[in-house]
Amino acid sequence: MMSERRSILKKLFASVAGVAGIGVASKAIAETPAAAPEKEVGDVVMYQDVPLFSGHTKFNNMVFIAGKGAHFEGDITAHTKHVLDELEKELIKAGSSMEKVLKCSVFLHDLNDYKAMNEAYKGRFGSKPPCRTTVAVYGGVPGDSLVEIDCIAYI
């Protein structure tokens, strides 16, 4: 009888230990971090054979579009239309669209161009436009553009 009880207790203890061991092992597997996703870049601009910046960067389902400017003679309306066309091209290259833009930053050479820029800007992002920040930059936008716009979108 004593031997039978010991045998039952040993089996019970072995079962409990086995279940606990499996639980610990499965917890360790679950806590093992997956490989971190890597960013993807497109249209890398080089400066003296060193990568300077990319036209867009993708990470998970997000895409970040570098600022686009208009580097030709023209007024704010022509520059804004050109910049928005360039943003759209870059978004499409990255697998997104104007309708998927979540945030825009607009940099104006002159705050007096705000109204005309808005006229060219309106409607370009569909019926649910992104949130936006607009500022006039001291010293002007690089490259003699009257406006520069960057954005963040999803894919």
Protein backbone atom coordinates (compact mmCIF):
# COMPACT_ATOMS: atom_id res chain seq x y z
CA MET A 1 0.00 0.00 0.00
CA MET A 2 2.83 2.36 0.95
CA SER A 3 4.63 1.52 -2.28
CA GLU A 4 1.47 2.15 -4.30
CA ARG A 5 1.01 5.58 -2.70
CA ARG A 6 4.62 6.48 -3.44
CA SER A 7 4.19 5.41 -7.03
CA ILE A 8 1.05 7.51 -7.40
CA LEU A 9 2.74 10.49 -5.73
CA LYS A 10 5.79 10.13 -7.99
CA LYS A 11 3.56 10.04 -11.08
CA LEU A 12 1.58 13.04 -9.86
CA PHE A 13 4.77 14.98 -9.09
CA ALA A 14 6.25 14.05 -12.48
CA SER A 15 3.06 15.24 -14.22
CA VAL A 16 3.06 18.56 -12.36
CA ALA A 17 6.75 19.04 -13.07
CA GLY A 18 6.20 18.23 -16.74
CA VAL A 19 3.34 20.69 -17.09
CA ALA A 20 5.32 23.38 -15.28
CA GLY A 21 8.33 22.70 -17.50
CA ILE A 22 6.23 22.97 -20.66
CA GLY A 23 4.72 26.21 -19.35
CA VAL A 24 8.16 27.68 -18.69
CA ALA A 25 9.43 26.57 -22.09
CA SER A 26 6.42 27.98 -23.95
CA LYS A 27 6.73 31.26 -22.03
CA ALA A 28 10.40 31.50 -23.00
CA ILE A 29 9.52 30.89 -26.66
CA ALA A 30 6.74 33.48 -26.54
CA GLU A 31 9.08 36.07 -25.04
CA THR A 32 11.79 35.55 -27.66
CA PRO A 33 11.73 38.77 -29.68
CA ALA A 34 11.05 38.48 -33.39
CA ALA A 35 13.53 40.03 -35.75
CA ALA A 36 13.05 43.77 -35.72
CA PRO A 37 11.59 45.13 -38.96
CA GLU A 38 13.99 47.15 -41.05
CA LYS A 39 13.29 50.41 -42.79
CA GLU A 40 13.24 50.62 -46.58
CA VAL A 41 14.45 53.69 -48.43
CA GLY A 42 13.83 54.97 -51.93
CA ASP A 43 15.62 57.44 -54.20
CA VAL A 44 18.70 58.01 -52.05
CA VAL A 45 20.37 61.37 -52.73
CA MET A 46 24.15 61.22 -52.54
CA TYR A 47 26.53 63.99 -51.50
CA GLN A 48 30.22 63.44 -52.22
CA ASP A 49 29.59 59.66 -52.53
CA VAL A 50 27.88 59.55 -49.11
CA PRO A 51 24.14 58.87 -48.75
CA LEU A 52 22.56 62.17 -47.67
CA PHE A 53 18.81 61.47 -47.55
CA SER A 54 16.15 59.44 -49.31
CA GLY A 55 13.04 60.53 -51.15
CA HIS A 56 10.98 58.30 -48.91
CA THR A 57 11.46 55.91 -46.03
CA LYS A 58 9.09 53.03 -45.28
CA PHE A 59 8.76 51.33 -41.92
CA ASN A 60 6.06 48.74 -41.28
CA ASN A 61 2.95 50.25 -42.87
CA MET A 62 4.15 53.86 -42.65
CA VAL A 63 5.86 55.96 -45.30
CA PHE A 64 7.67 59.24 -44.69
CA ILE A 65 8.11 61.47 -47.74
CA ALA A 66 11.00 63.95 -47.81
CA GLY A 67 10.28 67.60 -48.44
CA LYS A 68 9.63 68.43 -52.09
CA GLY A 69 10.27 71.86 -53.54
CA ALA A 70 9.82 73.60 -56.88
CA HIS A 71 13.13 74.81 -58.28
CA PHE A 72 12.06 76.91 -61.24
CA GLU A 73 10.74 80.41 -61.91
CA GLY A 74 7.08 80.77 -61.08
CA ASP A 75 4.49 81.95 -58.59
CA ILE A 76 3.25 80.23 -55.44
CA THR A 77 0.37 78.58 -57.30
CA ALA A 78 2.66 76.95 -59.88
CA HIS A 79 5.14 75.93 -57.16
CA THR A 80 2.43 74.42 -54.91
CA LYS A 81 0.89 72.42 -57.77
CA HIS A 82 4.33 71.12 -58.78
CA VAL A 83 5.25 70.17 -55.22
CA LEU A 84 1.97 68.32 -54.69
CA ASP A 85 2.47 66.45 -57.98
CA GLU A 86 5.97 65.44 -56.85
CA LEU A 87 4.63 64.29 -53.46
CA GLU A 88 2.02 62.19 -55.23
CA LYS A 89 4.65 60.55 -57.47
CA GLU A 90 6.80 59.70 -54.44
CA LEU A 91 3.81 58.30 -52.53
CA ILE A 92 2.91 56.06 -55.47
CA LYS A 93 6.55 54.84 -55.72
CA ALA A 94 6.36 53.94 -52.02
CA GLY A 95 3.04 52.09 -52.45
CA SER A 96 0.75 54.73 -50.97
CA SER A 97 -1.42 57.59 -52.24
CA MET A 98 -2.55 61.13 -51.49
CA GLU A 99 -5.70 59.76 -49.82
CA LYS A 100 -3.54 57.87 -47.28
CA VAL A 101 -1.59 60.91 -46.11
CA LEU A 102 -1.96 61.46 -42.36
CA LYS A 103 0.19 64.57 -41.80
CA CYS A 104 1.68 67.33 -43.96
CA SER A 105 4.18 70.02 -43.11
CA VAL A 106 4.16 73.07 -45.37
CA PHE A 107 7.10 75.48 -45.38
CA LEU A 108 6.47 78.81 -47.07
CA HIS A 109 9.09 81.30 -48.26
CA ASP A 110 6.65 84.11 -47.48
CA LEU A 111 3.62 83.92 -45.18
CA ASN A 112 1.82 86.30 -47.55
CA ASP A 113 1.56 83.32 -49.96
CA TYR A 114 -0.60 81.37 -47.48
CA LYS A 115 -3.95 82.07 -49.16
CA ALA A 116 -2.75 81.28 -52.70
CA MET A 117 -0.99 78.13 -51.49
CA ASN A 118 -4.24 76.99 -49.86
CA GLU A 119 -6.12 77.50 -53.13
CA ALA A 120 -3.70 75.19 -54.97
CA TYR A 121 -3.58 72.73 -52.03
CA LYS A 122 -7.31 72.25 -51.43
CA GLY A 123 -8.87 69.03 -52.64
CA ARG A 124 -5.57 67.28 -53.41
CA PHE A 125 -5.92 64.79 -50.55
CA GLY A 126 -9.51 63.68 -51.11
CA SER A 127 -12.50 64.21 -48.85
CA LYS A 128 -10.55 63.43 -45.65
CA PRO A 129 -7.51 65.72 -45.75
CA PRO A 130 -4.53 65.15 -43.45
CA CYS A 131 -3.70 67.32 -40.49
CA ARG A 132 -1.24 70.02 -41.44
CA THR A 133 1.29 72.44 -40.04
CA THR A 134 2.18 75.52 -42.08
CA VAL A 135 5.05 77.84 -41.24
CA ALA A 136 7.00 80.57 -42.96
CA VAL A 137 10.70 79.86 -42.78
CA TYR A 138 13.18 82.51 -41.84
CA GLY A 139 15.66 82.92 -44.69
CA GLY A 140 13.41 81.16 -47.20
CA VAL A 141 12.99 77.62 -48.43
CA PRO A 142 16.22 76.01 -49.76
CA GLY A 143 16.73 76.04 -53.51
CA ASP A 144 14.69 79.18 -54.17
CA SER A 145 11.39 77.31 -53.96
CA LEU A 146 8.45 79.33 -52.69
CA VAL A 147 7.08 76.26 -50.88
CA GLU A 148 8.30 72.90 -49.61
CA ILE A 149 6.00 70.14 -48.37
CA ASP A 150 6.74 66.83 -46.67
CA CYS A 151 4.27 64.23 -45.44
CA ILE A 152 3.65 61.03 -43.52
CA ALA A 153 1.27 58.41 -44.91
CA TYR A 154 0.30 54.80 -44.44
CA ILE A 155 0.49 51.99 -46.98
